[in-house]
């Protein structure tokens, strides 16, 4: 009952309250980015959601679009702006994802939505992470985030999918608030410090 009904109700209530509470910060960040990024405020990128359905995740744009001599975008760490680094440090770039929650693309808690190009690389076990809606935060994020291997991260994701409950979600949310408040690894972006996932050799 919780997974199929109450989890969504709680998502709507908490995401609505959170967005209203954080709206002054949302507006302030949006204004600064509009001025500093030549009008480009948001970063919208396709990601696989529940059952691998593709949606566009919404984040504040923390990187510029500088390219190398071949016209390719520079690496992540060379494109993060000074203000972008600030909003990443305090996880402010994640605030717009509350809109994804309200749109029912995401949940407050679930496996983080990763890149679409990773889909063919998952083994059968890892594919189970897509049985749940992706989340703004998740079990892997409060247990190491980018300090752990891809394989361990996926193990934590699948563990969450199989153990979803109100108490588990509450624990993850409280741990997330603690980590943001004390800045415990919250500046580690999903893309900035992780190596590219190239697949797991064994199933």
Protein backbone atom coordinates (compact mmCIF):
# COMPACT_ATOMS: atom_id res chain seq x y z
CA UNK A 1 0.00 0.00 0.00
CA UNK A 2 2.81 2.41 0.83
CA UNK A 3 4.69 1.86 -2.44
CA UNK A 4 1.62 2.06 -4.68
CA UNK A 5 -0.27 4.89 -2.97
CA UNK A 6 1.07 6.60 0.14
CA UNK A 7 4.58 7.10 -1.23
CA UNK A 8 3.16 9.21 -4.08
CA UNK A 9 0.91 11.16 -1.70
CA UNK A 10 3.87 11.92 0.58
CA UNK A 11 5.96 12.92 -2.46
CA UNK A 12 3.34 15.45 -3.55
CA UNK A 13 2.90 16.91 -0.08
CA UNK A 14 6.59 17.17 0.80
CA UNK A 15 7.67 18.34 -2.68
CA UNK A 16 5.00 21.07 -2.62
CA UNK A 17 5.98 22.22 0.88
CA UNK A 18 9.67 22.04 -0.01
CA UNK A 19 9.24 24.06 -3.20
CA UNK A 20 7.22 26.76 -1.43
CA UNK A 21 9.74 26.92 1.42
CA UNK A 22 12.73 27.01 -0.95
CA UNK A 23 11.16 29.32 -3.54
CA UNK A 24 13.08 32.44 -2.39
CA UNK A 25 16.35 30.49 -2.85
CA UNK A 26 15.05 29.05 -6.13
CA UNK A 27 14.28 32.54 -7.40
CA UNK A 28 17.59 33.99 -6.22
CA UNK A 29 19.65 31.24 -7.85
CA UNK A 30 17.61 31.54 -11.05
CA UNK A 31 18.26 35.30 -11.25
CA UNK A 32 22.01 34.91 -10.71
CA UNK A 33 22.22 32.15 -13.32
CA UNK A 34 20.13 34.15 -15.79
CA UNK A 35 22.61 37.01 -15.53
CA UNK A 36 25.81 34.94 -15.43
CA UNK A 37 24.81 32.26 -17.97
CA UNK A 38 23.41 34.56 -20.67
CA UNK A 39 19.83 33.62 -19.87
CA UNK A 40 20.47 29.89 -19.46
CA UNK A 41 19.08 28.95 -16.04
CA UNK A 42 18.19 25.27 -16.24
CA UNK A 43 19.91 22.11 -17.39
CA UNK A 44 17.43 19.59 -18.78
CA UNK A 45 18.81 16.21 -19.73
CA UNK A 46 17.16 12.92 -20.75
CA UNK A 47 17.41 10.21 -18.09
CA UNK A 48 15.80 6.78 -17.71
CA UNK A 49 13.06 6.61 -15.12
CA UNK A 50 10.88 3.81 -13.81
CA UNK A 51 10.79 0.85 -16.22
CA UNK A 52 13.45 2.72 -18.25
CA UNK A 53 10.95 5.32 -19.52
CA UNK A 54 12.90 8.40 -20.61
CA UNK A 55 12.16 11.78 -19.04
CA UNK A 56 14.03 15.07 -18.72
CA UNK A 57 15.60 15.77 -15.35
CA UNK A 58 15.61 19.45 -14.36
CA UNK A 59 18.59 20.98 -12.56
CA UNK A 60 20.08 24.44 -12.23
CA UNK A 61 22.78 24.93 -14.87
CA UNK A 62 26.09 24.83 -13.01
CA UNK A 63 28.39 24.39 -16.02
CA UNK A 64 29.16 26.49 -19.07
CA UNK A 65 29.19 25.17 -22.64
CA UNK A 66 32.87 25.71 -23.45
CA UNK A 67 34.30 23.39 -26.11
CA UNK A 68 37.74 22.28 -27.21
CA UNK A 69 39.38 22.85 -30.61
CA UNK A 70 37.44 19.90 -32.05
CA UNK A 71 34.10 21.31 -30.99
CA UNK A 72 33.66 18.80 -28.17
CA UNK A 73 32.51 19.91 -24.73
CA UNK A 74 35.33 20.21 -22.22
CA UNK A 75 35.39 17.75 -19.26
CA UNK A 76 32.92 18.40 -16.45
CA UNK A 77 35.50 19.75 -14.01
CA UNK A 78 36.68 22.35 -16.54
CA UNK A 79 33.18 23.67 -17.20
CA UNK A 80 31.84 24.11 -13.67
CA UNK A 81 31.49 27.83 -12.98
CA UNK A 82 32.40 29.51 -9.71
CA UNK A 83 28.73 30.01 -8.83
CA UNK A 84 27.97 26.54 -10.18
CA UNK A 85 30.46 25.07 -7.74
CA UNK A 86 28.76 26.99 -4.92
CA UNK A 87 25.28 25.67 -5.70
CA UNK A 88 26.67 22.14 -6.07
CA UNK A 89 28.43 22.44 -2.70
CA UNK A 90 25.11 23.11 -0.98
CA UNK A 91 23.04 20.89 -3.33
CA UNK A 92 21.05 23.91 -4.50
CA UNK A 93 21.31 22.67 -8.09
CA UNK A 94 18.95 19.84 -7.12
CA UNK A 95 16.04 22.11 -6.08
CA UNK A 96 14.35 22.13 -9.55
CA UNK A 97 14.01 18.34 -9.33
CA UNK A 98 11.13 18.97 -6.94
CA UNK A 99 9.26 19.86 -10.14
CA UNK A 100 10.16 16.42 -11.53
CA UNK A 101 8.64 14.92 -8.38
CA UNK A 102 5.44 16.92 -8.80
CA UNK A 103 5.31 15.85 -12.47
CA UNK A 104 5.55 12.21 -11.29
CA UNK A 105 8.81 11.61 -13.19
CA UNK A 106 10.68 11.11 -9.93
CA UNK A 107 10.22 10.43 -6.24
CA UNK A 108 11.89 12.17 -3.33
CA UNK A 109 13.69 8.90 -2.56
CA UNK A 110 14.90 6.35 -5.08
CA UNK A 111 17.92 5.36 -7.19
CA UNK A 112 19.49 8.41 -8.82
CA UNK A 113 18.64 8.78 -12.54
CA UNK A 114 21.81 8.13 -14.53
CA UNK A 115 22.71 8.53 -18.20
CA UNK A 116 20.61 6.96 -20.94
CA UNK A 117 23.74 5.52 -22.58
CA UNK A 118 24.28 3.31 -19.51
CA UNK A 119 21.09 1.32 -20.15
CA UNK A 120 22.65 -1.35 -22.44
CA UNK A 121 25.54 -1.78 -19.99
CA UNK A 122 23.55 -2.96 -16.97
CA UNK A 123 23.46 -6.65 -16.15
CA UNK A 124 20.21 -8.33 -15.12
CA UNK A 125 20.77 -7.59 -11.44
CA UNK A 126 21.58 -3.93 -12.00
CA UNK A 127 18.55 -3.42 -14.25
CA UNK A 128 16.36 -3.91 -11.18
CA UNK A 129 17.21 -0.35 -10.07
CA UNK A 130 14.69 0.80 -12.68
CA UNK A 131 11.79 -1.03 -11.05
CA UNK A 132 11.38 2.04 -8.82
CA UNK A 133 11.06 5.70 -9.70
CA UNK A 134 14.38 7.54 -9.58
CA UNK A 135 14.86 9.85 -6.62
CA UNK A 136 16.40 13.18 -5.67
CA UNK A 137 18.23 11.25 -2.98
CA UNK A 138 18.67 7.57 -2.33
CA UNK A 139 20.23 4.78 -0.30
CA UNK A 140 23.48 4.98 -2.30
CA UNK A 141 23.68 8.76 -1.82
CA UNK A 142 23.64 8.47 1.98
CA UNK A 143 26.08 5.54 1.94
CA UNK A 144 29.05 6.90 0.06
CA UNK A 145 27.70 8.56 -3.07
CA UNK A 146 30.69 8.96 -5.44
CA UNK A 147 33.20 7.53 -2.95
CA UNK A 148 32.00 3.99 -3.75
CA UNK A 149 32.32 1.88 -6.89
CA UNK A 150 29.61 1.66 -9.52
CA UNK A 151 28.99 -1.98 -8.59
CA UNK A 152 28.51 -1.14 -4.91
CA UNK A 153 26.27 1.79 -5.81
CA UNK A 154 24.05 -0.47 -7.90
CA UNK A 155 23.93 -3.04 -5.10
CA UNK A 156 22.66 -0.33 -2.77
CA UNK A 157 20.12 0.82 -5.39
CA UNK A 158 18.72 -2.68 -5.83
CA UNK A 159 18.66 -3.20 -2.06
CA UNK A 160 16.49 -0.08 -1.80
CA UNK A 161 14.13 -1.26 -4.54
CA UNK A 162 13.59 -4.52 -2.67
CA UNK A 163 13.24 -2.88 0.74
CA UNK A 164 11.16 0.22 0.08
CA UNK A 165 9.12 1.31 3.08
CA UNK A 166 8.05 4.44 4.91
CA UNK A 167 10.70 3.96 7.60
CA UNK A 168 13.45 3.41 5.01
CA UNK A 169 12.45 6.56 3.09
CA UNK A 170 12.25 8.59 6.30
CA UNK A 171 15.72 7.40 7.33
CA UNK A 172 17.16 8.35 3.92
CA UNK A 173 15.55 11.80 3.99
CA UNK A 174 16.85 12.52 7.50
CA UNK A 175 20.35 11.32 6.60
CA UNK A 176 20.25 13.47 3.47
CA UNK A 177 19.32 16.57 5.48
CA UNK A 178 22.18 15.79 7.87
CA UNK A 179 24.68 15.41 5.04
CA UNK A 180 23.56 18.64 3.36
CA UNK A 181 23.62 20.56 6.65
CA UNK A 182 27.10 19.34 7.56
CA UNK A 183 28.30 19.34 3.91
CA UNK A 184 29.32 15.69 4.08
CA UNK A 185 30.22 14.94 0.47
CA UNK A 186 27.30 16.87 -0.98
CA UNK A 187 29.53 18.60 -3.50
CA UNK A 188 30.18 15.33 -5.32
CA UNK A 189 28.08 15.57 -8.45
CA UNK A 190 26.70 12.44 -10.10
CA UNK A 191 28.83 13.27 -13.13
CA UNK A 192 31.65 15.45 -11.82
CA UNK A 193 33.71 13.01 -9.78
CA UNK A 194 32.50 9.58 -10.91
CA UNK A 195 34.31 7.65 -13.61
CA UNK A 196 32.26 6.70 -16.65
CA UNK A 197 30.38 3.43 -16.19
CA UNK A 198 31.55 0.94 -18.81
CA UNK A 199 29.68 -2.13 -17.65
CA UNK A 200 30.23 -5.01 -15.24
CA UNK A 201 31.98 -8.13 -16.53
CA UNK A 202 30.04 -10.61 -14.39
CA UNK A 203 26.28 -10.92 -14.04
